[in-house]
Amino acid sequence: MAGHSLGAATPEEWNQFWLDLQDALYIMRQNILGGPPFYLNGVAMLTDADGLLKALRNGAFFDTLLHGDHKAISAKCLELALS
């Protein structure tokens, strides 16, 4: 609400996040379900993660336009959000 960007990370930090998440999922699957290992990073583009990141980025861009100095663009954004 203060207008600060949240979740900003370098590409290296994002890569490490996905590797760490894959490790956590691997451990949980082995301890709960057993069976063959599941590699999250082996199913790229088959999950909703990319869509989530795109939606978050688009939301930030929309918010910038909505609260920008250009009144006509802000009005159109508000109209779109309320439709």
PDB file of N, CA and C in Angstrom:
ATOM      1  N   MET A   1       0.818  -1.196   0.000  1.00  0.00           N
ATOM      2  CA  MET A   1       0.000   0.000   0.000  1.00  0.00           C
ATOM      3  C   MET A   1       0.861   1.259   0.000  1.00  0.00           C
ATOM      4  N   ALA A   2       2.123   1.110   0.378  1.00  0.00           N
ATOM      5  CA  ALA A   2       3.021   2.254   0.403  1.00  0.00           C
ATOM      6  C   ALA A   2       3.637   2.518  -0.958  1.00  0.00           C
ATOM      7  N   GLY A   3       3.291   1.687  -1.948  1.00  0.00           N
ATOM      8  CA  GLY A   3       3.812   1.893  -3.286  1.00  0.00           C
ATOM      9  C   GLY A   3       5.175   1.274  -3.531  1.00  0.00           C
ATOM     10  N   HIS A   4       5.660   0.461  -2.602  1.00  0.00           N
ATOM     11  CA  HIS A   4       6.948  -0.201  -2.777  1.00  0.00           C
ATOM     12  C   HIS A   4       6.756  -1.499  -3.555  1.00  0.00           C
ATOM     13  N   SER A   5       7.700  -1.816  -4.407  1.00  0.00           N
ATOM     14  CA  SER A   5       7.660  -3.089  -5.117  1.00  0.00           C
ATOM     15  C   SER A   5       7.948  -4.213  -4.139  1.00  0.00           C
ATOM     16  N   LEU A   6       7.159  -5.263  -4.234  1.00  0.00           N
ATOM     17  CA  LEU A   6       7.355  -6.421  -3.375  1.00  0.00           C
ATOM     18  C   LEU A   6       7.860  -7.580  -4.209  1.00  0.00           C
ATOM     19  N   GLY A   7       8.706  -8.376  -3.646  1.00  0.00           N
ATOM     20  CA  GLY A   7       9.161  -9.582  -4.319  1.00  0.00           C
ATOM     21  C   GLY A   7      10.230  -9.368  -5.367  1.00  0.00           C
ATOM     22  N   ALA A   8      10.815  -8.190  -5.407  1.00  0.00           N
ATOM     23  CA  ALA A   8      11.876  -7.961  -6.394  1.00  0.00           C
ATOM     24  C   ALA A   8      13.057  -8.860  -6.061  1.00  0.00           C
ATOM     25  N   ALA A   9      13.544  -9.561  -7.063  1.00  0.00           N
ATOM     26  CA  ALA A   9      14.679 -10.467  -6.861  1.00  0.00           C
ATOM     27  C   ALA A   9      15.473 -10.539  -8.155  1.00  0.00           C
ATOM     28  N   THR A  10      16.734 -10.846  -8.011  1.00  0.00           N
ATOM     29  CA  THR A  10      17.587 -11.010  -9.185  1.00  0.00           C
ATOM     30  C   THR A  10      17.257 -12.349  -9.844  1.00  0.00           C
ATOM     31  N   PRO A  11      17.619 -12.527 -11.102  1.00  0.00           N
ATOM     32  CA  PRO A  11      17.401 -13.827 -11.741  1.00  0.00           C
ATOM     33  C   PRO A  11      18.075 -14.977 -10.985  1.00  0.00           C
ATOM     34  N   GLU A  12      19.241 -14.713 -10.426  1.00  0.00           N
ATOM     35  CA  GLU A  12      19.932 -15.746  -9.649  1.00  0.00           C
ATOM     36  C   GLU A  12      19.136 -16.118  -8.405  1.00  0.00           C
ATOM     37  N   GLU A  13      18.547 -15.116  -7.744  1.00  0.00           N
ATOM     38  CA  GLU A  13      17.740 -15.390  -6.553  1.00  0.00           C
ATOM     39  C   GLU A  13      16.487 -16.189  -6.913  1.00  0.00           C
ATOM     40  N   TRP A  14      15.859 -15.863  -8.052  1.00  0.00           N
ATOM     41  CA  TRP A  14      14.689 -16.634  -8.497  1.00  0.00           C
ATOM     42  C   TRP A  14      15.090 -18.066  -8.813  1.00  0.00           C
ATOM     43  N   ASN A  15      16.209 -18.259  -9.493  1.00  0.00           N
ATOM     44  CA  ASN A  15      16.673 -19.615  -9.787  1.00  0.00           C
ATOM     45  C   ASN A  15      16.887 -20.411  -8.515  1.00  0.00           C
ATOM     46  N   GLN A  16      17.493 -19.782  -7.512  1.00  0.00           N
ATOM     47  CA  GLN A  16      17.721 -20.469  -6.245  1.00  0.00           C
ATOM     48  C   GLN A  16      16.400 -20.777  -5.554  1.00  0.00           C
ATOM     49  N   PHE A  17      15.444 -19.869  -5.631  1.00  0.00           N
ATOM     50  CA  PHE A  17      14.119 -20.108  -5.054  1.00  0.00           C
ATOM     51  C   PHE A  17      13.498 -21.373  -5.643  1.00  0.00           C
ATOM     52  N   TRP A  18      13.516 -21.491  -6.990  1.00  0.00           N
ATOM     53  CA  TRP A  18      12.909 -22.654  -7.642  1.00  0.00           C
ATOM     54  C   TRP A  18      13.661 -23.944  -7.302  1.00  0.00           C
ATOM     55  N   LEU A  19      14.979 -23.865  -7.190  1.00  0.00           N
ATOM     56  CA  LEU A  19      15.746 -25.042  -6.790  1.00  0.00           C
ATOM     57  C   LEU A  19      15.413 -25.460  -5.361  1.00  0.00           C
ATOM     58  N   ASP A  20      15.301 -24.471  -4.464  1.00  0.00           N
ATOM     59  CA  ASP A  20      14.956 -24.769  -3.072  1.00  0.00           C
ATOM     60  C   ASP A  20      13.544 -25.335  -2.964  1.00  0.00           C
ATOM     61  N   LEU A  21      12.599 -24.764  -3.733  1.00  0.00           N
ATOM     62  CA  LEU A  21      11.227 -25.274  -3.723  1.00  0.00           C
ATOM     63  C   LEU A  21      11.191 -26.704  -4.245  1.00  0.00           C
ATOM     64  N   GLN A  22      11.939 -26.975  -5.307  1.00  0.00           N
ATOM     65  CA  GLN A  22      12.010 -28.337  -5.842  1.00  0.00           C
ATOM     66  C   GLN A  22      12.541 -29.301  -4.790  1.00  0.00           C
ATOM     67  N   ASP A  23      13.577 -28.905  -4.063  1.00  0.00           N
ATOM     68  CA  ASP A  23      14.129 -29.765  -3.010  1.00  0.00           C
ATOM     69  C   ASP A  23      13.094 -30.044  -1.927  1.00  0.00           C
ATOM     70  N   ALA A  24      12.357 -29.001  -1.525  1.00  0.00           N
ATOM     71  CA  ALA A  24      11.339 -29.170  -0.478  1.00  0.00           C
ATOM     72  C   ALA A  24      10.232 -30.111  -0.952  1.00  0.00           C
ATOM     73  N   LEU A  25       9.780 -29.943  -2.194  1.00  0.00           N
ATOM     74  CA  LEU A  25       8.735 -30.815  -2.734  1.00  0.00           C
ATOM     75  C   LEU A  25       9.228 -32.261  -2.847  1.00  0.00           C
ATOM     76  N   TYR A  26      10.465 -32.430  -3.250  1.00  0.00           N
ATOM     77  CA  TYR A  26      11.063 -33.764  -3.369  1.00  0.00           C
ATOM     78  C   TYR A  26      11.041 -34.467  -2.010  1.00  0.00           C
ATOM     79  N   ILE A  27      11.493 -33.749  -0.973  1.00  0.00           N
ATOM     80  CA  ILE A  27      11.544 -34.331   0.377  1.00  0.00           C
ATOM     81  C   ILE A  27      10.144 -34.665   0.875  1.00  0.00           C
ATOM     82  N   MET A  28       9.194 -33.749   0.689  1.00  0.00           N
ATOM     83  CA  MET A  28       7.829 -34.002   1.159  1.00  0.00           C
ATOM     84  C   MET A  28       7.211 -35.197   0.431  1.00  0.00           C
ATOM     85  N   ARG A  29       7.394 -35.260  -0.887  1.00  0.00           N
ATOM     86  CA  ARG A  29       6.827 -36.379  -1.650  1.00  0.00           C
ATOM     87  C   ARG A  29       7.417 -37.703  -1.191  1.00  0.00           C
ATOM     88  N   GLN A  30       8.726 -37.751  -1.008  1.00  0.00           N
ATOM     89  CA  GLN A  30       9.374 -38.997  -0.593  1.00  0.00           C
ATOM     90  C   GLN A  30       8.881 -39.436   0.788  1.00  0.00           C
ATOM     91  N   ASN A  31       8.682 -38.477   1.695  1.00  0.00           N
ATOM     92  CA  ASN A  31       8.273 -38.816   3.061  1.00  0.00           C
ATOM     93  C   ASN A  31       6.785 -39.119   3.177  1.00  0.00           C
ATOM     94  N   ILE A  32       5.974 -38.565   2.304  1.00  0.00           N
ATOM     95  CA  ILE A  32       4.525 -38.749   2.417  1.00  0.00           C
ATOM     96  C   ILE A  32       4.012 -39.812   1.449  1.00  0.00           C
ATOM     97  N   LEU A  33       4.410 -39.723   0.191  1.00  0.00           N
ATOM     98  CA  LEU A  33       3.871 -40.613  -0.829  1.00  0.00           C
ATOM     99  C   LEU A  33       4.817 -41.727  -1.249  1.00  0.00           C
ATOM    100  N   GLY A  34       6.106 -41.455  -1.154  1.00  0.00           N
ATOM    101  CA  GLY A  34       7.067 -42.413  -1.678  1.00  0.00           C
ATOM    102  C   GLY A  34       6.984 -42.427  -3.199  1.00  0.00           C
ATOM    103  N   GLY A  35       7.444 -43.490  -3.791  1.00  0.00           N
ATOM    104  CA  GLY A  35       7.361 -43.606  -5.244  1.00  0.00           C
ATOM    105  C   GLY A  35       8.434 -42.811  -5.939  1.00  0.00           C
ATOM    106  N   PRO A  36       8.256 -42.643  -7.246  1.00  0.00           N
ATOM    107  CA  PRO A  36       9.288 -41.951  -8.031  1.00  0.00           C
ATOM    108  C   PRO A  36       9.417 -40.486  -7.627  1.00  0.00           C
ATOM    109  N   PRO A  37      10.607 -39.953  -7.751  1.00  0.00           N
ATOM    110  CA  PRO A  37      10.805 -38.546  -7.385  1.00  0.00           C
ATOM    111  C   PRO A  37      10.060 -37.620  -8.335  1.00  0.00           C
ATOM    112  N   PHE A  38       9.713 -36.451  -7.835  1.00  0.00           N
ATOM    113  CA  PHE A  38       9.057 -35.415  -8.630  1.00  0.00           C
ATOM    114  C   PHE A  38      10.010 -34.241  -8.723  1.00  0.00           C
ATOM    115  N   TYR A  39      10.320 -33.847  -9.933  1.00  0.00           N
ATOM    116  CA  TYR A  39      11.223 -32.717 -10.145  1.00  0.00           C
ATOM    117  C   TYR A  39      10.438 -31.552 -10.719  1.00  0.00           C
ATOM    118  N   LEU A  40      10.162 -30.581  -9.879  1.00  0.00           N
ATOM    119  CA  LEU A  40       9.389 -29.417 -10.284  1.00  0.00           C
ATOM    120  C   LEU A  40      10.003 -28.734 -11.495  1.00  0.00           C
ATOM    121  N   ASN A  41      11.295 -28.575 -11.497  1.00  0.00           N
ATOM    122  CA  ASN A  41      11.956 -27.861 -12.589  1.00  0.00           C
ATOM    123  C   ASN A  41      11.994 -28.675 -13.873  1.00  0.00           C
ATOM    124  N   GLY A  42      11.580 -29.929 -13.823  1.00  0.00           N
ATOM    125  CA  GLY A  42      11.530 -30.767 -15.007  1.00  0.00           C
ATOM    126  C   GLY A  42      10.219 -30.640 -15.766  1.00  0.00           C
ATOM    127  N   VAL A  43       9.283 -29.869 -15.230  1.00  0.00           N
ATOM    128  CA  VAL A  43       7.979 -29.700 -15.878  1.00  0.00           C
ATOM    129  C   VAL A  43       7.718 -28.229 -16.181  1.00  0.00           C
ATOM    130  N   ALA A  44       8.734 -27.547 -16.644  1.00  0.00           N
ATOM    131  CA  ALA A  44       8.616 -26.119 -16.935  1.00  0.00           C
ATOM    132  C   ALA A  44       7.434 -25.859 -17.855  1.00  0.00           C
ATOM    133  N   MET A  45       6.738 -24.823 -17.592  1.00  0.00           N
ATOM    134  CA  MET A  45       5.585 -24.356 -18.356  1.00  0.00           C
ATOM    135  C   MET A  45       4.373 -25.278 -18.213  1.00  0.00           C
ATOM    136  N   LEU A  46       4.441 -26.317 -17.415  1.00  0.00           N
ATOM    137  CA  LEU A  46       3.287 -27.154 -17.177  1.00  0.00           C
ATOM    138  C   LEU A  46       2.595 -26.777 -15.873  1.00  0.00           C
ATOM    139  N   THR A  47       3.172 -25.840 -15.137  1.00  0.00           N
ATOM    140  CA  THR A  47       2.594 -25.411 -13.879  1.00  0.00           C
ATOM    141  C   THR A  47       2.034 -24.002 -14.036  1.00  0.00           C
ATOM    142  N   ASP A  48       1.379 -23.533 -13.006  1.00  0.00           N
ATOM    143  CA  ASP A  48       0.808 -22.192 -13.018  1.00  0.00           C
ATOM    144  C   ASP A  48       1.798 -21.130 -12.548  1.00  0.00           C
ATOM    145  N   ALA A  49       3.016 -21.538 -12.194  1.00  0.00           N
ATOM    146  CA  ALA A  49       3.983 -20.586 -11.636  1.00  0.00           C
ATOM    147  C   ALA A  49       4.295 -19.460 -12.615  1.00  0.00           C
ATOM    148  N   ASP A  50       4.519 -19.790 -13.880  1.00  0.00           N
ATOM    149  CA  ASP A  50       4.817 -18.744 -14.856  1.00  0.00           C
ATOM    150  C   ASP A  50       3.631 -17.800 -15.012  1.00  0.00           C
ATOM    151  N   GLY A  51       2.429 -18.354 -15.026  1.00  0.00           N
ATOM    152  CA  GLY A  51       1.231 -17.526 -15.131  1.00  0.00           C
ATOM    153  C   GLY A  51       1.059 -16.618 -13.928  1.00  0.00           C
ATOM    154  N   LEU A  52       1.375 -17.143 -12.746  1.00  0.00           N
ATOM    155  CA  LEU A  52       1.288 -16.331 -11.536  1.00  0.00           C
ATOM    156  C   LEU A  52       2.257 -15.159 -11.595  1.00  0.00           C
ATOM    157  N   LEU A  53       3.499 -15.441 -11.973  1.00  0.00           N
ATOM    158  CA  LEU A  53       4.484 -14.363 -12.064  1.00  0.00           C
ATOM    159  C   LEU A  53       4.067 -13.320 -13.085  1.00  0.00           C
ATOM    160  N   LYS A  54       3.535 -13.755 -14.230  1.00  0.00           N
ATOM    161  CA  LYS A  54       3.057 -12.817 -15.248  1.00  0.00           C
ATOM    162  C   LYS A  54       1.904 -11.977 -14.705  1.00  0.00           C
ATOM    163  N   ALA A  55       0.973 -12.606 -14.006  1.00  0.00           N
ATOM    164  CA  ALA A  55      -0.160 -11.871 -13.444  1.00  0.00           C
ATOM    165  C   ALA A  55       0.294 -10.842 -12.414  1.00  0.00           C
ATOM    166  N   LEU A  56       1.265 -11.214 -11.602  1.00  0.00           N
ATOM    167  CA  LEU A  56       1.779 -10.267 -10.604  1.00  0.00           C
ATOM    168  C   LEU A  56       2.463  -9.079 -11.281  1.00  0.00           C
ATOM    169  N   ARG A  57       3.271  -9.368 -12.328  1.00  0.00           N
ATOM    170  CA  ARG A  57       3.929  -8.288 -13.066  1.00  0.00           C
ATOM    171  C   ARG A  57       2.904  -7.378 -13.720  1.00  0.00           C
ATOM    172  N   ASN A  58       1.899  -7.990 -14.377  1.00  0.00           N
ATOM    173  CA  ASN A  58       0.872  -7.192 -15.039  1.00  0.00           C
ATOM    174  C   ASN A  58       0.081  -6.370 -14.039  1.00  0.00           C
ATOM    175  N   GLY A  59      -0.169  -6.927 -12.861  1.00  0.00           N
ATOM    176  CA  GLY A  59      -0.868  -6.190 -11.819  1.00  0.00           C
ATOM    177  C   GLY A  59      -0.081  -4.965 -11.374  1.00  0.00           C
ATOM    178  N   ALA A  60       1.220  -5.113 -11.272  1.00  0.00           N
ATOM    179  CA  ALA A  60       2.068  -3.980 -10.880  1.00  0.00           C
ATOM    180  C   ALA A  60       2.055  -2.909 -11.961  1.00  0.00           C
ATOM    181  N   PHE A  61       2.101  -3.327 -13.241  1.00  0.00           N
ATOM    182  CA  PHE A  61       2.046  -2.357 -14.337  1.00  0.00           C
ATOM    183  C   PHE A  61       0.702  -1.634 -14.337  1.00  0.00           C
ATOM    184  N   PHE A  62      -0.386  -2.402 -14.135  1.00  0.00           N
ATOM    185  CA  PHE A  62      -1.722  -1.819 -14.101  1.00  0.00           C
ATOM    186  C   PHE A  62      -1.824  -0.793 -12.973  1.00  0.00           C
ATOM    187  N   ASP A  63      -1.299  -1.151 -11.799  1.00  0.00           N
ATOM    188  CA  ASP A  63      -1.338  -0.247 -10.655  1.00  0.00           C
ATOM    189  C   ASP A  63      -0.579   1.046 -10.943  1.00  0.00           C
ATOM    190  N   THR A  64       0.547   0.934 -11.641  1.00  0.00           N
ATOM    191  CA  THR A  64       1.325   2.117 -12.016  1.00  0.00           C
ATOM    192  C   THR A  64       0.509   3.025 -12.928  1.00  0.00           C
ATOM    193  N   LEU A  65      -0.168   2.430 -13.906  1.00  0.00           N
ATOM    194  CA  LEU A  65      -1.000   3.227 -14.816  1.00  0.00           C
ATOM    195  C   LEU A  65      -2.200   3.824 -14.093  1.00  0.00           C
ATOM    196  N   LEU A  66      -2.830   3.028 -13.240  1.00  0.00           N
ATOM    197  CA  LEU A  66      -4.012   3.489 -12.509  1.00  0.00           C
ATOM    198  C   LEU A  66      -3.699   4.708 -11.644  1.00  0.00           C
ATOM    199  N   HIS A  67      -2.557   4.694 -11.015  1.00  0.00           N
ATOM    200  CA  HIS A  67      -2.200   5.776 -10.089  1.00  0.00           C
ATOM    201  C   HIS A  67      -1.221   6.783 -10.697  1.00  0.00           C
ATOM    202  N   GLY A  68      -1.074   6.735 -12.014  1.00  0.00           N
ATOM    203  CA  GLY A  68      -0.155   7.649 -12.689  1.00  0.00           C
ATOM    204  C   GLY A  68      -0.718   9.049 -12.829  1.00  0.00           C
ATOM    205  N   ASP A  69       0.058   9.911 -13.441  1.00  0.00           N
ATOM    206  CA  ASP A  69      -0.315  11.314 -13.591  1.00  0.00           C
ATOM    207  C   ASP A  69      -1.262  11.575 -14.759  1.00  0.00           C
ATOM    208  N   HIS A  70      -1.375  10.631 -15.679  1.00  0.00           N
ATOM    209  CA  HIS A  70      -2.203  10.826 -16.866  1.00  0.00           C
ATOM    210  C   HIS A  70      -3.654  10.471 -16.523  1.00  0.00           C
ATOM    211  N   LYS A  71      -4.510  11.484 -16.404  1.00  0.00           N
ATOM    212  CA  LYS A  71      -5.892  11.309 -15.929  1.00  0.00           C
ATOM    213  C   LYS A  71      -6.717  10.394 -16.834  1.00  0.00           C
ATOM    214  N   ALA A  72      -6.565  10.511 -18.160  1.00  0.00           N
ATOM    215  CA  ALA A  72      -7.358   9.694 -19.080  1.00  0.00           C
ATOM    216  C   ALA A  72      -6.994   8.212 -18.942  1.00  0.00           C
ATOM    217  N   ILE A  73      -5.725   7.922 -18.807  1.00  0.00           N
ATOM    218  CA  ILE A  73      -5.296   6.526 -18.638  1.00  0.00           C
ATOM    219  C   ILE A  73      -5.780   5.987 -17.305  1.00  0.00           C
ATOM    220  N   SER A  74      -5.672   6.791 -16.254  1.00  0.00           N
ATOM    221  CA  SER A  74      -6.151   6.369 -14.933  1.00  0.00           C
ATOM    222  C   SER A  74      -7.644   6.075 -14.968  1.00  0.00           C
ATOM    223  N   ALA A  75      -8.402   6.930 -15.657  1.00  0.00           N
ATOM    224  CA  ALA A  75      -9.850   6.740 -15.753  1.00  0.00           C
ATOM    225  C   ALA A  75     -10.173   5.450 -16.502  1.00  0.00           C
ATOM    226  N   LYS A  76      -9.469   5.163 -17.586  1.00  0.00           N
ATOM    227  CA  LYS A  76      -9.699   3.938 -18.363  1.00  0.00           C
ATOM    228  C   LYS A  76      -9.350   2.708 -17.521  1.00  0.00           C
ATOM    229  N   CYS A  77      -8.274   2.789 -16.761  1.00  0.00           N
ATOM    230  CA  CYS A  77      -7.900   1.672 -15.884  1.00  0.00           C
ATOM    231  C   CYS A  77      -8.973   1.409 -14.844  1.00  0.00           C
ATOM    232  N   LEU A  78      -9.495   2.463 -14.260  1.00  0.00           N
ATOM    233  CA  LEU A  78     -10.546   2.338 -13.259  1.00  0.00           C
ATOM    234  C   LEU A  78     -11.801   1.747 -13.894  1.00  0.00           C
ATOM    235  N   GLU A  79     -12.135   2.220 -15.087  1.00  0.00           N
ATOM    236  CA  GLU A  79     -13.305   1.684 -15.810  1.00  0.00           C
ATOM    237  C   GLU A  79     -13.125   0.192 -16.084  1.00  0.00           C
ATOM    238  N   LEU A  80     -11.945  -0.189 -16.509  1.00  0.00           N
ATOM    239  CA  LEU A  80     -11.651  -1.588 -16.806  1.00  0.00           C
ATOM    240  C   LEU A  80     -11.743  -2.440 -15.531  1.00  0.00           C
ATOM    241  N   ALA A  81     -11.208  -1.925 -14.443  1.00  0.00           N
ATOM    242  CA  ALA A  81     -11.205  -2.676 -13.181  1.00  0.00           C
ATOM    243  C   ALA A  81     -12.618  -2.873 -12.642  1.00  0.00           C
ATOM    244  N   LEU A  82     -13.496  -1.942 -12.890  1.00  0.00           N
ATOM    245  CA  LEU A  82     -14.849  -2.010 -12.349  1.00  0.00           C
ATOM    246  C   LEU A  82     -15.839  -2.693 -13.294  1.00  0.00           C
ATOM    247  N   SER A  83     -15.392  -3.011 -14.503  1.00  0.00           N
ATOM    248  CA  SER A  83     -16.322  -3.632 -15.459  1.00  0.00           C
ATOM    249  C   SER A  83     -16.428  -5.119 -15.263  1.00  0.00           C
TER     250      SER A  83
END
